């Protein structure tokens, strides 16, 4: 578990140094996996109707409800690795 957390933290730093910015769908996936891995299931109120970005982020994270944080961490690390290659 300690190794997974270290890999997760490293991946969260590595994502900032990608050569190219990923497409919006991939960015939402990264966001949702990061939030699920670090905080668990979505919490708090859904953003307002006119907050399109906030709503998209909330809904992407909400789709991962029930996924164990460890699984989200593994998927996040794997996705960052594919983006770095």
PDB file of N, CA and C in Angstrom:
ATOM      1  N   UNK A   1       0.821  -1.192   0.000  1.00  0.00           N
ATOM      2  CA  UNK A   1       0.000   0.000   0.000  1.00  0.00           C
ATOM      3  C   UNK A   1       0.869   1.262   0.000  1.00  0.00           C
ATOM      4  N   UNK A   2       1.961   1.234   0.759  1.00  0.00           N
ATOM      5  CA  UNK A   2       2.846   2.400   0.805  1.00  0.00           C
ATOM      6  C   UNK A   2       3.443   2.670  -0.570  1.00  0.00           C
ATOM      7  N   UNK A   3       3.791   1.589  -1.286  1.00  0.00           N
ATOM      8  CA  UNK A   3       4.328   1.754  -2.635  1.00  0.00           C
ATOM      9  C   UNK A   3       3.283   2.364  -3.558  1.00  0.00           C
ATOM     10  N   UNK A   4       2.049   1.929  -3.436  1.00  0.00           N
ATOM     11  CA  UNK A   4       0.972   2.450  -4.274  1.00  0.00           C
ATOM     12  C   UNK A   4       0.775   3.945  -4.008  1.00  0.00           C
ATOM     13  N   UNK A   5       0.779   4.329  -2.741  1.00  0.00           N
ATOM     14  CA  UNK A   5       0.616   5.751  -2.418  1.00  0.00           C
ATOM     15  C   UNK A   5       1.780   6.572  -2.968  1.00  0.00           C
ATOM     16  N   UNK A   6       2.985   6.032  -2.891  1.00  0.00           N
ATOM     17  CA  UNK A   6       4.157   6.732  -3.430  1.00  0.00           C
ATOM     18  C   UNK A   6       4.042   6.855  -4.946  1.00  0.00           C
ATOM     19  N   UNK A   7       3.624   5.773  -5.608  1.00  0.00           N
ATOM     20  CA  UNK A   7       3.440   5.806  -7.063  1.00  0.00           C
ATOM     21  C   UNK A   7       2.353   6.809  -7.451  1.00  0.00           C
ATOM     22  N   UNK A   8       1.295   6.855  -6.652  1.00  0.00           N
ATOM     23  CA  UNK A   8       0.185   7.774  -6.901  1.00  0.00           C
ATOM     24  C   UNK A   8       0.660   9.222  -6.781  1.00  0.00           C
ATOM     25  N   UNK A   9       1.417   9.513  -5.732  1.00  0.00           N
ATOM     26  CA  UNK A   9       1.939  10.861  -5.547  1.00  0.00           C
ATOM     27  C   UNK A   9       2.903  11.250  -6.667  1.00  0.00           C
ATOM     28  N   UNK A  10       3.744  10.303  -7.085  1.00  0.00           N
ATOM     29  CA  UNK A  10       4.679  10.569  -8.184  1.00  0.00           C
ATOM     30  C   UNK A  10       3.910  10.830  -9.470  1.00  0.00           C
ATOM     31  N   UNK A  11       2.890  10.033  -9.737  1.00  0.00           N
ATOM     32  CA  UNK A  11       2.081  10.214 -10.954  1.00  0.00           C
ATOM     33  C   UNK A  11       1.384  11.560 -10.945  1.00  0.00           C
ATOM     34  N   UNK A  12       0.938  12.009  -9.769  1.00  0.00           N
ATOM     35  CA  UNK A  12       0.257  13.302  -9.693  1.00  0.00           C
ATOM     36  C   UNK A  12       1.223  14.446  -9.995  1.00  0.00           C
ATOM     37  N   UNK A  13       2.502  14.256  -9.732  1.00  0.00           N
ATOM     38  CA  UNK A  13       3.512  15.249 -10.105  1.00  0.00           C
ATOM     39  C   UNK A  13       3.884  15.107 -11.586  1.00  0.00           C
ATOM     40  N   UNK A  14       4.016  13.867 -12.043  1.00  0.00           N
ATOM     41  CA  UNK A  14       4.389  13.605 -13.437  1.00  0.00           C
ATOM     42  C   UNK A  14       3.364  14.158 -14.416  1.00  0.00           C
ATOM     43  N   UNK A  15       2.093  14.139 -14.040  1.00  0.00           N
ATOM     44  CA  UNK A  15       1.043  14.603 -14.941  1.00  0.00           C
ATOM     45  C   UNK A  15       1.219  16.089 -15.266  1.00  0.00           C
ATOM     46  N   UNK A  16       1.841  16.826 -14.377  1.00  0.00           N
ATOM     47  CA  UNK A  16       2.079  18.256 -14.612  1.00  0.00           C
ATOM     48  C   UNK A  16       3.168  18.496 -15.656  1.00  0.00           C
ATOM     49  N   UNK A  17       4.000  17.479 -15.901  1.00  0.00           N
ATOM     50  CA  UNK A  17       5.132  17.620 -16.817  1.00  0.00           C
ATOM     51  C   UNK A  17       4.932  16.916 -18.149  1.00  0.00           C
ATOM     52  N   UNK A  18       3.683  16.601 -18.487  1.00  0.00           N
ATOM     53  CA  UNK A  18       3.422  15.937 -19.768  1.00  0.00           C
ATOM     54  C   UNK A  18       3.805  16.857 -20.915  1.00  0.00           C
ATOM     55  N   UNK A  19       4.319  16.261 -22.001  1.00  0.00           N
ATOM     56  CA  UNK A  19       4.733  17.045 -23.166  1.00  0.00           C
ATOM     57  C   UNK A  19       3.546  17.764 -23.804  1.00  0.00           C
ATOM     58  N   UNK A  20       2.400  17.087 -23.852  1.00  0.00           N
ATOM     59  CA  UNK A  20       1.192  17.676 -24.427  1.00  0.00           C
ATOM     60  C   UNK A  20       0.054  17.575 -23.432  1.00  0.00           C
ATOM     61  N   UNK A  21      -0.841  18.555 -23.498  1.00  0.00           N
ATOM     62  CA  UNK A  21      -2.036  18.515 -22.654  1.00  0.00           C
ATOM     63  C   UNK A  21      -2.981  17.462 -23.226  1.00  0.00           C
ATOM     64  N   UNK A  22      -3.446  16.536 -22.395  1.00  0.00           N
ATOM     65  CA  UNK A  22      -4.395  15.523 -22.875  1.00  0.00           C
ATOM     66  C   UNK A  22      -5.717  16.159 -23.302  1.00  0.00           C
ATOM     67  N   UNK A  23      -6.500  15.415 -24.085  1.00  0.00           N
ATOM     68  CA  UNK A  23      -7.817  15.904 -24.495  1.00  0.00           C
ATOM     69  C   UNK A  23      -8.729  16.019 -23.273  1.00  0.00           C
ATOM     70  N   UNK A  24      -9.839  16.707 -23.449  1.00  0.00           N
ATOM     71  CA  UNK A  24     -10.742  16.976 -22.323  1.00  0.00           C
ATOM     72  C   UNK A  24     -11.273  15.718 -21.655  1.00  0.00           C
ATOM     73  N   UNK A  25     -11.611  14.689 -22.442  1.00  0.00           N
ATOM     74  CA  UNK A  25     -12.113  13.443 -21.849  1.00  0.00           C
ATOM     75  C   UNK A  25     -11.061  12.800 -20.954  1.00  0.00           C
ATOM     76  N   UNK A  26      -9.814  12.810 -21.413  1.00  0.00           N
ATOM     77  CA  UNK A  26      -8.732  12.236 -20.617  1.00  0.00           C
ATOM     78  C   UNK A  26      -8.491  13.074 -19.367  1.00  0.00           C
ATOM     79  N   UNK A  27      -8.577  14.396 -19.506  1.00  0.00           N
ATOM     80  CA  UNK A  27      -8.410  15.270 -18.344  1.00  0.00           C
ATOM     81  C   UNK A  27      -9.488  14.991 -17.290  1.00  0.00           C
ATOM     82  N   UNK A  28     -10.717  14.787 -17.740  1.00  0.00           N
ATOM     83  CA  UNK A  28     -11.799  14.457 -16.802  1.00  0.00           C
ATOM     84  C   UNK A  28     -11.543  13.111 -16.132  1.00  0.00           C
ATOM     85  N   UNK A  29     -11.053  12.154 -16.904  1.00  0.00           N
ATOM     86  CA  UNK A  29     -10.744  10.826 -16.352  1.00  0.00           C
ATOM     87  C   UNK A  29      -9.644  10.944 -15.286  1.00  0.00           C
ATOM     88  N   UNK A  30      -8.604  11.714 -15.607  1.00  0.00           N
ATOM     89  CA  UNK A  30      -7.521  11.923 -14.642  1.00  0.00           C
ATOM     90  C   UNK A  30      -8.058  12.568 -13.364  1.00  0.00           C
ATOM     91  N   UNK A  31      -8.874  13.597 -13.528  1.00  0.00           N
ATOM     92  CA  UNK A  31      -9.447  14.304 -12.385  1.00  0.00           C
ATOM     93  C   UNK A  31     -10.260  13.348 -11.514  1.00  0.00           C
ATOM     94  N   UNK A  32     -11.151  12.606 -12.162  1.00  0.00           N
ATOM     95  CA  UNK A  32     -12.038  11.710 -11.414  1.00  0.00           C
ATOM     96  C   UNK A  32     -11.256  10.624 -10.686  1.00  0.00           C
ATOM     97  N   UNK A  33     -10.278  10.033 -11.357  1.00  0.00           N
ATOM     98  CA  UNK A  33      -9.480   8.987 -10.712  1.00  0.00           C
ATOM     99  C   UNK A  33      -8.664   9.557  -9.554  1.00  0.00           C
ATOM    100  N   UNK A  34      -8.127  10.758  -9.749  1.00  0.00           N
ATOM    101  CA  UNK A  34      -7.355  11.378  -8.672  1.00  0.00           C
ATOM    102  C   UNK A  34      -8.247  11.636  -7.453  1.00  0.00           C
ATOM    103  N   UNK A  35      -9.399  12.227  -7.687  1.00  0.00           N
ATOM    104  CA  UNK A  35     -10.309  12.526  -6.577  1.00  0.00           C
ATOM    105  C   UNK A  35     -10.781  11.248  -5.883  1.00  0.00           C
ATOM    106  N   UNK A  36     -11.120  10.224  -6.672  1.00  0.00           N
ATOM    107  CA  UNK A  36     -11.579   8.963  -6.086  1.00  0.00           C
ATOM    108  C   UNK A  36     -10.453   8.316  -5.287  1.00  0.00           C
ATOM    109  N   UNK A  37      -9.237   8.388  -5.816  1.00  0.00           N
ATOM    110  CA  UNK A  37      -8.091   7.799  -5.126  1.00  0.00           C
ATOM    111  C   UNK A  37      -7.698   8.544  -3.872  1.00  0.00           C
ATOM    112  N   UNK A  38      -7.870   9.853  -3.872  1.00  0.00           N
ATOM    113  CA  UNK A  38      -7.433  10.635  -2.721  1.00  0.00           C
ATOM    114  C   UNK A  38      -8.546  10.913  -1.712  1.00  0.00           C
ATOM    115  N   UNK A  39      -9.810  10.972  -2.165  1.00  0.00           N
ATOM    116  CA  UNK A  39     -10.901  11.330  -1.252  1.00  0.00           C
ATOM    117  C   UNK A  39     -12.015  10.297  -1.155  1.00  0.00           C
ATOM    118  N   UNK A  40     -12.063   9.343  -2.071  1.00  0.00           N
ATOM    119  CA  UNK A  40     -13.155   8.373  -2.063  1.00  0.00           C
ATOM    120  C   UNK A  40     -14.338   8.890  -2.857  1.00  0.00           C
ATOM    121  N   UNK A  41     -15.525   8.401  -2.551  1.00  0.00           N
ATOM    122  CA  UNK A  41     -16.730   8.770  -3.300  1.00  0.00           C
ATOM    123  C   UNK A  41     -16.988  10.271  -3.255  1.00  0.00           C
ATOM    124  N   UNK A  42     -17.625  10.745  -4.319  1.00  0.00           N
ATOM    125  CA  UNK A  42     -17.940  12.169  -4.456  1.00  0.00           C
ATOM    126  C   UNK A  42     -18.739  12.663  -3.256  1.00  0.00           C
ATOM    127  N   UNK A  43     -18.452  13.897  -2.868  1.00  0.00           N
ATOM    128  CA  UNK A  43     -19.167  14.487  -1.743  1.00  0.00           C
ATOM    129  C   UNK A  43     -19.447  15.948  -2.054  1.00  0.00           C
ATOM    130  N   UNK A  44     -20.344  16.514  -1.306  1.00  0.00           N
ATOM    131  CA  UNK A  44     -20.685  17.912  -1.502  1.00  0.00           C
ATOM    132  C   UNK A  44     -21.756  18.092  -2.554  1.00  0.00           C
ATOM    133  N   UNK A  45     -22.292  19.302  -2.627  1.00  0.00           N
ATOM    134  CA  UNK A  45     -23.368  19.560  -3.597  1.00  0.00           C
ATOM    135  C   UNK A  45     -22.834  19.637  -5.023  1.00  0.00           C
ATOM    136  N   UNK A  46     -23.682  19.256  -5.953  1.00  0.00           N
ATOM    137  CA  UNK A  46     -23.329  19.349  -7.367  1.00  0.00           C
ATOM    138  C   UNK A  46     -23.292  20.827  -7.755  1.00  0.00           C
ATOM    139  N   UNK A  47     -22.281  21.225  -8.548  1.00  0.00           N
ATOM    140  CA  UNK A  47     -22.201  22.636  -8.968  1.00  0.00           C
ATOM    141  C   UNK A  47     -23.453  23.071  -9.731  1.00  0.00           C
ATOM    142  N   UNK A  48     -23.659  24.375  -9.772  1.00  0.00           N
ATOM    143  CA  UNK A  48     -24.819  24.941 -10.442  1.00  0.00           C
ATOM    144  C   UNK A  48     -24.853  24.666 -11.937  1.00  0.00           C
ATOM    145  N   UNK A  49     -26.004  24.836 -12.524  1.00  0.00           N
ATOM    146  CA  UNK A  49     -26.248  24.534 -13.933  1.00  0.00           C
ATOM    147  C   UNK A  49     -25.285  25.262 -14.870  1.00  0.00           C
ATOM    148  N   UNK A  50     -24.953  26.498 -14.576  1.00  0.00           N
ATOM    149  CA  UNK A  50     -24.106  27.279 -15.468  1.00  0.00           C
ATOM    150  C   UNK A  50     -22.612  27.086 -15.227  1.00  0.00           C
ATOM    151  N   UNK A  51     -22.257  26.288 -14.238  1.00  0.00           N
ATOM    152  CA  UNK A  51     -20.850  25.940 -13.997  1.00  0.00           C
ATOM    153  C   UNK A  51     -20.557  24.659 -14.777  1.00  0.00           C
ATOM    154  N   UNK A  52     -20.337  24.824 -16.074  1.00  0.00           N
ATOM    155  CA  UNK A  52     -20.191  23.668 -16.964  1.00  0.00           C
ATOM    156  C   UNK A  52     -18.975  22.814 -16.612  1.00  0.00           C
ATOM    157  N   UNK A  53     -17.854  23.450 -16.338  1.00  0.00           N
ATOM    158  CA  UNK A  53     -16.636  22.709 -16.008  1.00  0.00           C
ATOM    159  C   UNK A  53     -16.800  21.984 -14.676  1.00  0.00           C
ATOM    160  N   UNK A  54     -17.298  22.699 -13.675  1.00  0.00           N
ATOM    161  CA  UNK A  54     -17.506  22.089 -12.364  1.00  0.00           C
ATOM    162  C   UNK A  54     -18.480  20.921 -12.420  1.00  0.00           C
ATOM    163  N   UNK A  55     -19.538  21.082 -13.214  1.00  0.00           N
ATOM    164  CA  UNK A  55     -20.519  20.007 -13.366  1.00  0.00           C
ATOM    165  C   UNK A  55     -19.904  18.795 -14.049  1.00  0.00           C
ATOM    166  N   UNK A  56     -19.111  19.030 -15.089  1.00  0.00           N
ATOM    167  CA  UNK A  56     -18.457  17.922 -15.803  1.00  0.00           C
ATOM    168  C   UNK A  56     -17.513  17.169 -14.871  1.00  0.00           C
ATOM    169  N   UNK A  57     -16.751  17.902 -14.076  1.00  0.00           N
ATOM    170  CA  UNK A  57     -15.836  17.270 -13.122  1.00  0.00           C
ATOM    171  C   UNK A  57     -16.610  16.455 -12.086  1.00  0.00           C
ATOM    172  N   UNK A  58     -17.658  17.053 -11.541  1.00  0.00           N
ATOM    173  CA  UNK A  58     -18.471  16.381 -10.526  1.00  0.00           C
ATOM    174  C   UNK A  58     -19.055  15.085 -11.087  1.00  0.00           C
ATOM    175  N   UNK A  59     -19.627  15.167 -12.289  1.00  0.00           N
ATOM    176  CA  UNK A  59     -20.254  13.987 -12.891  1.00  0.00           C
ATOM    177  C   UNK A  59     -19.235  12.902 -13.224  1.00  0.00           C
ATOM    178  N   UNK A  60     -18.030  13.287 -13.672  1.00  0.00           N
ATOM    179  CA  UNK A  60     -16.986  12.295 -13.954  1.00  0.00           C
ATOM    180  C   UNK A  60     -16.588  11.567 -12.675  1.00  0.00           C
ATOM    181  N   UNK A  61     -16.449  12.319 -11.594  1.00  0.00           N
ATOM    182  CA  UNK A  61     -16.089  11.732 -10.297  1.00  0.00           C
ATOM    183  C   UNK A  61     -17.242  10.873  -9.781  1.00  0.00           C
ATOM    184  N   UNK A  62     -18.461  11.343  -9.931  1.00  0.00           N
ATOM    185  CA  UNK A  62     -19.648  10.635  -9.458  1.00  0.00           C
ATOM    186  C   UNK A  62     -19.784   9.260 -10.108  1.00  0.00           C
ATOM    187  N   UNK A  63     -19.370   9.144 -11.368  1.00  0.00           N
ATOM    188  CA  UNK A  63     -19.447   7.860 -12.088  1.00  0.00           C
ATOM    189  C   UNK A  63     -18.563   6.790 -11.454  1.00  0.00           C
ATOM    190  N   UNK A  64     -17.575   7.204 -10.685  1.00  0.00           N
ATOM    191  CA  UNK A  64     -16.663   6.246 -10.050  1.00  0.00           C
ATOM    192  C   UNK A  64     -17.103   5.846  -8.648  1.00  0.00           C
ATOM    193  N   UNK A  65     -18.277   6.286  -8.238  1.00  0.00           N
ATOM    194  CA  UNK A  65     -18.782   5.968  -6.896  1.00  0.00           C
ATOM    195  C   UNK A  65     -18.746   4.457  -6.665  1.00  0.00           C
ATOM    196  N   UNK A  66     -18.230   4.073  -5.527  1.00  0.00           N
ATOM    197  CA  UNK A  66     -18.142   2.657  -5.167  1.00  0.00           C
ATOM    198  C   UNK A  66     -16.791   2.037  -5.497  1.00  0.00           C
ATOM    199  N   UNK A  67     -16.006   2.700  -6.347  1.00  0.00           N
ATOM    200  CA  UNK A  67     -14.675   2.178  -6.664  1.00  0.00           C
ATOM    201  C   UNK A  67     -13.776   2.405  -5.446  1.00  0.00           C
ATOM    202  N   UNK A  68     -13.032   1.386  -5.083  1.00  0.00           N
ATOM    203  CA  UNK A  68     -12.123   1.511  -3.942  1.00  0.00           C
ATOM    204  C   UNK A  68     -11.013   2.497  -4.290  1.00  0.00           C
ATOM    205  N   UNK A  69     -10.611   3.314  -3.329  1.00  0.00           N
ATOM    206  CA  UNK A  69      -9.538   4.279  -3.593  1.00  0.00           C
ATOM    207  C   UNK A  69      -8.259   3.630  -4.139  1.00  0.00           C
ATOM    208  N   UNK A  70      -7.931   2.443  -3.647  1.00  0.00           N
ATOM    209  CA  UNK A  70      -6.721   1.761  -4.119  1.00  0.00           C
ATOM    210  C   UNK A  70      -6.824   1.429  -5.611  1.00  0.00           C
ATOM    211  N   UNK A  71      -8.002   1.008  -6.047  1.00  0.00           N
ATOM    212  CA  UNK A  71      -8.210   0.699  -7.455  1.00  0.00           C
ATOM    213  C   UNK A  71      -8.101   1.970  -8.296  1.00  0.00           C
ATOM    214  N   UNK A  72      -8.669   3.063  -7.808  1.00  0.00           N
ATOM    215  CA  UNK A  72      -8.581   4.343  -8.517  1.00  0.00           C
ATOM    216  C   UNK A  72      -7.129   4.796  -8.612  1.00  0.00           C
ATOM    217  N   UNK A  73      -6.370   4.610  -7.547  1.00  0.00           N
ATOM    218  CA  UNK A  73      -4.955   4.975  -7.570  1.00  0.00           C
ATOM    219  C   UNK A  73      -4.208   4.186  -8.640  1.00  0.00           C
ATOM    220  N   UNK A  74      -4.451   2.871  -8.686  1.00  0.00           N
ATOM    221  CA  UNK A  74      -3.793   2.019  -9.682  1.00  0.00           C
ATOM    222  C   UNK A  74      -4.140   2.473 -11.095  1.00  0.00           C
ATOM    223  N   UNK A  75      -5.406   2.759 -11.338  1.00  0.00           N
ATOM    224  CA  UNK A  75      -5.834   3.193 -12.670  1.00  0.00           C
ATOM    225  C   UNK A  75      -5.244   4.559 -13.023  1.00  0.00           C
ATOM    226  N   UNK A  76      -5.152   5.438 -12.045  1.00  0.00           N
ATOM    227  CA  UNK A  76      -4.565   6.763 -12.265  1.00  0.00           C
ATOM    228  C   UNK A  76      -3.099   6.631 -12.660  1.00  0.00           C
ATOM    229  N   UNK A  77      -2.353   5.844 -11.891  1.00  0.00           N
ATOM    230  CA  UNK A  77      -0.926   5.629 -12.171  1.00  0.00           C
ATOM    231  C   UNK A  77      -0.745   5.030 -13.564  1.00  0.00           C
ATOM    232  N   UNK A  78      -1.562   4.043 -13.914  1.00  0.00           N
ATOM    233  CA  UNK A  78      -1.452   3.403 -15.226  1.00  0.00           C
ATOM    234  C   UNK A  78      -1.768   4.399 -16.349  1.00  0.00           C
ATOM    235  N   UNK A  79      -2.793   5.228 -16.161  1.00  0.00           N
ATOM    236  CA  UNK A  79      -3.159   6.211 -17.189  1.00  0.00           C
ATOM    237  C   UNK A  79      -2.050   7.241 -17.378  1.00  0.00           C
ATOM    238  N   UNK A  80      -1.468   7.717 -16.292  1.00  0.00           N
ATOM    239  CA  UNK A  80      -0.369   8.684 -16.395  1.00  0.00           C
ATOM    240  C   UNK A  80       0.815   8.050 -17.124  1.00  0.00           C
ATOM    241  N   UNK A  81       1.111   6.785 -16.829  1.00  0.00           N
ATOM    242  CA  UNK A  81       2.221   6.098 -17.511  1.00  0.00           C
ATOM    243  C   UNK A  81       1.968   6.040 -19.022  1.00  0.00           C
ATOM    244  N   UNK A  82       0.745   5.746 -19.431  1.00  0.00           N
ATOM    245  CA  UNK A  82       0.459   5.684 -20.874  1.00  0.00           C
ATOM    246  C   UNK A  82       0.581   7.049 -21.521  1.00  0.00           C
ATOM    247  N   UNK A  83       0.234   8.099 -20.801  1.00  0.00           N
ATOM    248  CA  UNK A  83       0.339   9.459 -21.350  1.00  0.00           C
ATOM    249  C   UNK A  83       1.782   9.930 -21.460  1.00  0.00           C
ATOM    250  N   UNK A  84       2.648   9.392 -20.632  1.00  0.00           N
ATOM    251  CA  UNK A  84       4.063   9.791 -20.660  1.00  0.00           C
ATOM    252  C   UNK A  84       4.813   9.123 -21.795  1.00  0.00           C
ATOM    253  N   UNK A  85       4.288   8.021 -22.323  1.00  0.00           N
ATOM    254  CA  UNK A  85       4.985   7.291 -23.406  1.00  0.00           C
ATOM    255  C   UNK A  85       4.631   7.822 -24.760  1.00  0.00           C
TER     256      UNK A  85
END
